[in-house]
Amino acid sequence: MNHIALLLENQPGALSRVIGLFSQRGYNIDSLSVAPTQDETLSRLTMTIGEEGADINQILKQLYKLVDVVMVQNLSEVDSLAMELALIKLKKSKFDVQKILQDISLENEILDEKEDFTIFKVLGDTKVIEELLAILKKEEFLEVTRSGTLGVTRGSESLATNDQTKISYD
C-alpha cells in the first residue's frame, strides 16, 4: 500500500478531478482524507492506494498534471508517520471489550457502553487495525467506521509551499 499526500487548490471540483483521474485509469482509492490547511486557499489530501511500482510513478506524474494540484508526495518513499482512527461497536460488555483490547498494540479507549453494546476507538497503523478487525470478526460485530490514513513526513521535510507557488484569489 502507498500513502500519497497532495496539496490542492481549495476550489469546487478540485477533489472530483483527482478522483476522476483514478477512475479513468481503473485504479482504486482505499482511503481518502481531505481537510483545509493553514493556508485557506489550499486543502491537504491524504490517500491510500494499492498500486505499486511503475503504476504508482504513473499516478504521481498524472497528479502533477492536474491544474488544481499544487504539490504531490509519495509518503511511502520518505521517512513518514501514518496512522488511522477507527470507531468500533460490539455487542459486548465494557469488561469483555477491555479483555479483548488488553493484548492489542494500538492506542485504544472505550467511549460508550449502553445495554451491553460497547463503542471504542483504536488509533494506529492501518495494518494493525486490519488485524484487529480480523480478530473481531468472530465477535458480534455491529459497526465500524474508519477515518482513512493520515500521514506526515518526519523531520524538516514537509509538503508545503513557498511564496512563489502560492495561489492568490483576489
Protein backbone atom coordinates (compact mmCIF):
# COMPACT_ATOMS: atom_id res chain seq x y z
CA MET A 1 0.00 0.00 0.00
CA ASN A 2 1.16 3.50 -0.81
CA HIS A 3 0.24 6.69 1.01
CA ILE A 4 0.10 9.80 -1.18
CA ALA A 5 -0.22 13.36 0.11
CA LEU A 6 -1.36 16.27 -2.07
CA LEU A 7 -1.80 19.97 -1.68
CA LEU A 8 -4.58 21.10 -3.95
CA GLU A 9 -6.49 24.29 -4.52
CA ASN A 10 -9.41 24.69 -2.14
CA GLN A 11 -11.88 25.14 -5.01
CA PRO A 12 -15.13 23.41 -6.03
CA GLY A 13 -14.42 20.42 -8.27
CA ALA A 14 -10.74 20.03 -7.34
CA LEU A 15 -11.32 16.80 -5.42
CA SER A 16 -13.59 15.38 -8.12
CA ARG A 17 -10.84 15.93 -10.72
CA VAL A 18 -8.37 13.97 -8.57
CA ILE A 19 -10.91 11.17 -8.08
CA GLY A 20 -11.72 11.21 -11.79
CA LEU A 21 -8.07 10.64 -12.67
CA PHE A 22 -8.12 7.42 -10.64
CA SER A 23 -11.43 6.13 -12.00
CA GLN A 24 -10.45 6.87 -15.63
CA ARG A 25 -7.35 4.72 -15.26
CA GLY A 26 -9.06 1.91 -13.34
CA TYR A 27 -7.23 2.50 -10.05
CA ASN A 28 -8.93 2.16 -6.69
CA ILE A 29 -8.50 4.51 -3.73
CA ASP A 30 -8.53 2.52 -0.49
CA SER A 31 -8.87 5.52 1.84
CA LEU A 32 -9.14 9.26 1.45
CA SER A 33 -8.93 12.14 3.90
CA VAL A 34 -9.23 15.82 2.95
CA ALA A 35 -9.05 18.91 5.15
CA PRO A 36 -8.21 22.62 4.81
CA THR A 37 -4.66 23.70 5.65
CA GLN A 38 -3.37 26.75 7.48
CA ASP A 39 -3.38 28.41 4.04
CA GLU A 40 -7.08 28.92 3.31
CA THR A 41 -6.52 28.63 -0.46
CA LEU A 42 -5.22 25.03 -0.15
CA SER A 43 -6.50 21.69 1.10
CA ARG A 44 -4.39 18.69 2.06
CA LEU A 45 -5.49 15.33 0.73
CA THR A 46 -4.02 12.06 2.00
CA MET A 47 -4.94 8.85 0.23
CA THR A 48 -4.03 5.19 0.38
CA ILE A 49 -3.83 3.19 -2.83
CA GLY A 50 -2.84 -0.40 -3.52
CA GLU A 51 -0.90 0.23 -6.73
CA GLU A 52 2.86 -0.44 -6.71
CA GLY A 53 5.99 0.15 -8.83
CA ALA A 54 5.50 1.66 -12.27
CA ASP A 55 1.79 2.21 -11.62
CA ILE A 56 2.46 4.47 -8.64
CA ASN A 57 5.01 6.52 -10.63
CA GLN A 58 2.48 6.93 -13.44
CA ILE A 59 -0.18 8.05 -10.94
CA LEU A 60 2.18 10.64 -9.41
CA LYS A 61 3.04 12.03 -12.87
CA GLN A 62 -0.65 12.29 -13.78
CA LEU A 63 -1.49 14.01 -10.49
CA TYR A 64 1.21 16.63 -11.13
CA LYS A 65 -0.51 17.47 -14.44
CA LEU A 66 -3.84 18.34 -12.83
CA VAL A 67 -4.45 22.09 -12.72
CA ASP A 68 -5.71 22.09 -9.13
CA VAL A 69 -2.80 20.08 -7.70
CA VAL A 70 -0.02 22.24 -6.24
CA MET A 71 2.25 19.54 -4.75
CA VAL A 72 2.37 15.74 -4.61
CA GLN A 73 4.39 13.49 -2.32
CA ASN A 74 4.56 9.71 -2.01
CA LEU A 75 4.77 9.32 1.77
CA SER A 76 5.72 5.67 1.34
CA GLU A 77 9.06 6.68 -0.20
CA VAL A 78 10.12 9.09 2.56
CA ASP A 79 10.50 8.86 6.32
CA SER A 80 6.92 9.46 7.43
CA LEU A 81 4.37 8.67 10.09
CA ALA A 82 0.94 7.35 9.09
CA MET A 83 -1.99 6.33 11.23
CA GLU A 84 -5.71 5.79 11.19
CA LEU A 85 -8.60 6.10 13.64
CA ALA A 86 -11.40 3.51 13.87
CA LEU A 87 -14.60 3.58 15.94
CA ILE A 88 -15.94 0.08 16.58
CA LYS A 89 -19.22 -1.07 18.14
CA LEU A 90 -19.52 -4.59 19.58
CA LYS A 91 -22.36 -6.42 21.34
CA LYS A 92 -20.17 -6.96 24.39
CA SER A 93 -19.95 -5.52 27.86
CA LYS A 94 -17.29 -2.94 28.67
CA PHE A 95 -15.49 -5.58 30.73
CA ASP A 96 -15.41 -8.08 27.81
CA VAL A 97 -14.13 -5.41 25.41
CA GLN A 98 -11.37 -4.46 27.87
CA LYS A 99 -10.24 -8.11 27.91
CA ILE A 100 -10.10 -8.16 24.08
CA LEU A 101 -8.16 -4.88 23.93
CA GLN A 102 -5.55 -5.71 26.59
CA ASP A 103 -3.39 -7.62 24.08
CA ILE A 104 -3.78 -5.11 21.25
CA SER A 105 -0.78 -2.89 20.47
CA LEU A 106 -2.93 0.09 19.48
CA GLU A 107 -3.88 3.17 21.41
CA ASN A 108 -7.45 2.44 22.46
CA GLU A 109 -10.21 3.85 24.63
CA ILE A 110 -13.71 2.73 25.48
CA LEU A 111 -16.02 5.63 24.65
CA ASP A 112 -19.53 4.40 25.45
CA GLU A 113 -21.47 1.46 26.83
CA LYS A 114 -25.23 1.13 26.65
CA GLU A 115 -27.28 -2.06 27.02
CA ASP A 116 -24.16 -4.26 26.63
CA PHE A 117 -23.22 -2.51 23.38
CA THR A 118 -19.76 -1.00 23.67
CA ILE A 119 -18.18 1.59 21.39
CA PHE A 120 -14.42 2.01 21.48
CA LYS A 121 -11.77 3.76 19.45
CA VAL A 122 -8.42 2.49 18.24
CA LEU A 123 -5.68 4.67 16.80
CA GLY A 124 -2.62 3.36 15.00
CA ASP A 125 -1.15 1.73 11.93
CA THR A 126 -3.67 0.64 9.28
CA LYS A 127 -2.23 -2.89 9.11
CA VAL A 128 -2.66 -3.39 12.87
CA ILE A 129 -6.24 -2.08 12.71
CA GLU A 130 -6.90 -4.57 9.88
CA GLU A 131 -5.51 -7.37 12.09
CA LEU A 132 -7.77 -6.30 14.97
CA LEU A 133 -10.84 -6.27 12.70
CA ALA A 134 -9.95 -9.79 11.51
CA ILE A 135 -9.82 -10.94 15.15
CA LEU A 136 -13.13 -9.22 15.90
CA LYS A 137 -14.95 -10.97 13.02
CA LYS A 138 -15.80 -13.83 15.37
CA GLU A 139 -17.39 -11.38 17.85
CA GLU A 140 -20.84 -9.84 17.50
CA PHE A 141 -19.59 -7.09 15.26
CA LEU A 142 -22.12 -4.32 14.71
CA GLU A 143 -20.41 -1.32 13.18
CA VAL A 144 -17.04 0.08 12.25
CA THR A 145 -16.14 3.47 10.83
CA ARG A 146 -12.63 4.47 9.88
CA SER A 147 -11.00 7.84 9.27
CA GLY A 148 -8.73 6.83 6.43
CA THR A 149 -5.00 7.09 6.77
CA LEU A 150 -3.40 10.38 7.75
CA GLY A 151 0.28 10.86 7.11
CA VAL A 152 3.04 13.40 7.57
CA THR A 153 6.77 13.38 6.88
CA ARG A 154 9.23 13.27 9.75
CA GLY A 155 11.91 15.90 10.35
CA SER A 156 12.36 19.06 8.31
CA GLU A 157 10.92 17.71 5.05
CA SER A 158 7.29 18.74 4.52
CA LEU A 159 4.55 19.08 1.98
CA ALA A 160 4.38 22.85 1.95
CA THR A 161 4.55 25.69 -0.50
CA ASN A 162 6.73 28.73 -0.67
CA ASP A 163 5.63 32.20 -1.75
CA GLN A 164 6.38 31.51 -5.45
CA THR A 165 3.93 28.59 -5.60
CA LYS A 166 1.10 30.04 -3.53
CA ILE A 167 -2.03 30.87 -5.46
CA SER A 168 -3.83 34.14 -4.78
CA TYR A 169 -7.59 34.57 -5.20
CA ASP A 170 -8.20 38.30 -5.11
